[in-house]
Protein backbone atom coordinates (compact mmCIF):
# COMPACT_ATOMS: atom_id res chain seq x y z
CA MET A 1 0.00 0.00 0.00
CA THR A 2 2.86 2.36 0.78
CA ARG A 3 4.32 1.80 -2.68
CA MET A 4 0.93 2.55 -4.22
CA LYS A 5 0.83 5.81 -2.30
CA ARG A 6 4.29 6.64 -3.61
CA ILE A 7 3.23 5.90 -7.18
CA ALA A 8 0.14 8.04 -6.73
CA GLY A 9 2.26 10.70 -5.08
CA MET A 10 4.57 10.64 -8.07
CA LEU A 11 1.54 11.35 -10.23
CA LEU A 12 0.75 14.39 -8.15
CA ILE A 13 4.34 15.56 -8.22
CA PHE A 14 4.41 15.06 -11.99
CA ILE A 15 2.09 18.01 -12.52
CA PHE A 16 4.37 20.18 -10.41
CA SER A 17 7.46 19.20 -12.34
CA THR A 18 6.27 19.03 -15.95
CA THR A 19 8.23 22.21 -16.52
CA ALA A 20 10.98 23.61 -14.35
CA LEU A 21 9.38 26.94 -13.52
CA MET A 22 10.47 28.90 -10.51
CA ALA A 23 8.31 31.60 -8.98
CA GLN A 24 9.54 34.99 -10.05
CA GLU A 25 11.13 37.18 -7.39
CA GLY A 26 8.67 39.57 -5.84
CA GLN A 27 5.63 38.12 -7.57
CA LYS A 28 3.00 38.19 -4.85
CA VAL A 29 0.40 35.47 -4.52
CA THR A 30 -2.94 37.21 -4.10
CA ASP A 31 -5.62 35.99 -1.73
CA ALA A 32 -7.82 35.16 -4.72
CA GLU A 33 -5.05 33.08 -6.31
CA LEU A 34 -4.41 31.28 -3.05
CA THR A 35 -8.12 30.47 -2.74
CA LYS A 36 -8.13 29.08 -6.28
CA PHE A 37 -4.95 27.12 -5.55
CA ALA A 38 -6.45 25.65 -2.36
CA GLN A 39 -9.65 24.63 -4.16
CA THR A 40 -7.66 22.99 -6.92
CA PHE A 41 -5.32 21.25 -4.50
CA GLN A 42 -8.27 19.79 -2.54
CA GLN A 43 -9.84 18.50 -5.77
CA MET A 44 -6.51 16.98 -6.78
CA ARG A 45 -6.23 15.18 -3.44
CA MET A 46 -9.62 13.57 -4.02
CA THR A 47 -8.68 12.63 -7.58
CA ASN A 48 -5.37 11.25 -6.31
CA GLN A 49 -7.24 9.01 -3.86
CA GLU A 50 -9.49 7.79 -6.67
CA ALA A 51 -6.41 7.06 -8.80
CA GLN A 52 -4.87 5.04 -5.97
CA LEU A 53 -8.02 2.92 -5.72
CA LYS A 54 -8.07 2.40 -9.48
CA MET A 55 -4.41 1.35 -9.44
CA GLN A 56 -5.18 -1.16 -6.71
CA GLU A 57 -8.07 -2.51 -8.78
CA VAL A 58 -5.79 -2.91 -11.79
CA ILE A 59 -3.28 -4.85 -9.72
CA LYS A 60 -5.98 -7.10 -8.28
CA SER A 61 -7.53 -7.63 -11.73
CA GLU A 62 -4.24 -9.21 -12.80
CA ASP A 63 -4.44 -11.62 -9.86
CA LEU A 64 -1.45 -10.03 -8.17
CA GLU A 65 -1.44 -9.14 -4.53
CA ILE A 66 -0.54 -5.51 -3.89
CA LYS A 67 2.31 -6.58 -1.62
CA ARG A 68 3.75 -8.83 -4.35
CA PHE A 69 3.35 -6.11 -6.98
CA ASN A 70 5.23 -3.70 -4.71
CA GLU A 71 8.04 -6.22 -4.18
CA ILE A 72 8.46 -6.73 -7.93
CA HIS A 73 8.18 -2.98 -8.56
CA LYS A 74 10.80 -2.16 -5.95
CA ALA A 75 13.20 -4.73 -7.39
CA THR A 76 12.56 -3.44 -10.92
CA LEU A 77 13.42 0.12 -9.89
CA ASP A 78 16.68 -0.90 -8.18
CA PRO A 79 19.38 -1.75 -10.75
CA ASP A 80 21.36 -3.55 -8.03
CA THR A 81 18.51 -5.93 -7.24
CA GLU A 82 17.61 -8.93 -9.31
CA VAL A 83 13.89 -9.27 -9.90
CA ASP A 84 12.74 -12.48 -8.25
CA ALA A 85 9.52 -13.10 -10.15
CA THR A 86 8.18 -15.94 -12.20
CA ALA A 87 7.60 -15.35 -15.90
CA GLU A 88 3.86 -15.24 -15.19
CA GLU A 89 4.30 -12.68 -12.40
CA GLN A 90 6.57 -10.58 -14.59
CA GLU A 91 4.00 -10.59 -17.37
CA LYS A 92 1.23 -9.58 -14.96
CA TYR A 93 3.46 -6.87 -13.53
CA GLU A 94 4.18 -5.46 -16.99
CA ASP A 95 0.46 -5.49 -17.83
CA VAL A 96 -0.27 -3.54 -14.65
CA ILE A 97 2.47 -1.00 -15.36
CA SER A 98 1.17 -0.52 -18.90
CA GLU A 99 -2.33 0.14 -17.58
CA ILE A 100 -1.05 2.53 -14.89
CA GLU A 101 0.91 4.48 -17.50
CA LYS A 102 -2.29 4.93 -19.50
CA MET A 103 -4.05 6.09 -16.36
CA GLN A 104 -1.30 8.63 -15.72
CA VAL A 105 -1.98 10.38 -19.02
CA SER A 106 -5.67 10.64 -18.17
CA PHE A 107 -4.88 11.69 -14.61
CA GLN A 108 -2.54 14.46 -15.75
CA GLN A 109 -5.16 15.80 -18.16
CA LYS A 110 -7.76 15.74 -15.40
CA MET A 111 -5.44 17.70 -13.11
CA GLU A 112 -4.69 20.27 -15.79
CA ASP A 113 -8.43 20.67 -16.39
CA MET A 114 -8.98 21.23 -12.66
CA ILE A 115 -6.37 23.97 -12.61
CA THR A 116 -7.82 25.86 -15.55
CA SER A 117 -11.44 25.36 -14.50
CA ASN A 118 -10.59 26.97 -11.15
CA GLY A 119 -9.28 30.06 -12.90
CA LEU A 120 -5.50 29.53 -12.84
CA THR A 121 -3.09 28.82 -15.61
CA ILE A 122 -0.94 25.71 -15.28
CA GLU A 123 2.14 27.93 -15.21
CA ARG A 124 0.75 30.04 -12.37
CA TYR A 125 -0.32 26.97 -10.40
CA GLN A 126 3.22 25.60 -10.71
CA GLN A 127 4.70 28.93 -9.67
CA ILE A 128 2.54 29.01 -6.54
CA ALA A 129 3.39 25.37 -5.76
CA THR A 130 7.10 26.12 -6.10
CA ARG A 131 6.78 29.24 -4.00
CA LEU A 132 4.97 27.27 -1.28
CA GLN A 133 7.99 25.00 -0.93
CA GLN A 134 10.17 27.98 -0.04
CA ASP A 135 7.88 30.52 1.66
CA ALA A 136 6.78 29.80 5.25
CA ALA A 137 4.44 32.80 5.32
CA LEU A 138 2.68 31.58 2.18
CA GLN A 139 2.42 28.11 3.70
CA GLU A 140 0.71 29.65 6.73
CA ARG A 141 -1.71 31.57 4.51
CA LEU A 142 -2.54 28.33 2.69
CA LYS A 143 -3.10 26.53 6.00
CA GLU A 144 -5.52 29.29 7.00
CA GLU A 145 -7.27 28.96 3.63
CA PHE A 146 -7.79 25.24 4.23
CA GLN A 147 -9.22 25.94 7.69
CA LYS A 148 -11.87 28.20 6.16
CA LYS A 149 -13.40 25.22 4.37
């Protein structure tokens, strides 16, 4: 389950890192922008949870246990580890990965649609997200925005 959360988390991070944009110096995040960002972020969290459930369903539909999928996935990602999987398990694993990759494309489009439908550009959303990583005062403002809901 932890690995599934990391995969889903990587999906969320993907939208933040599709382009390497840094927030411009001195560009203030308005209250209205922060509200839009918070709304979008909350929607993305819900969509992320849905994606995690769908990924779990895909794994189960291939008659793989999530724990076993995670073991194979971890070994596949580590070049120093030999993958200890039967040919049948490896084939099921590859089918799951293929399906998850298709889901990622749809998921990314859904996230981009959420951003624009809430009145932000993707570039501005990314700038705010980057700024949040570095600006404690902005983080506090966002926390307050979430508490309003």
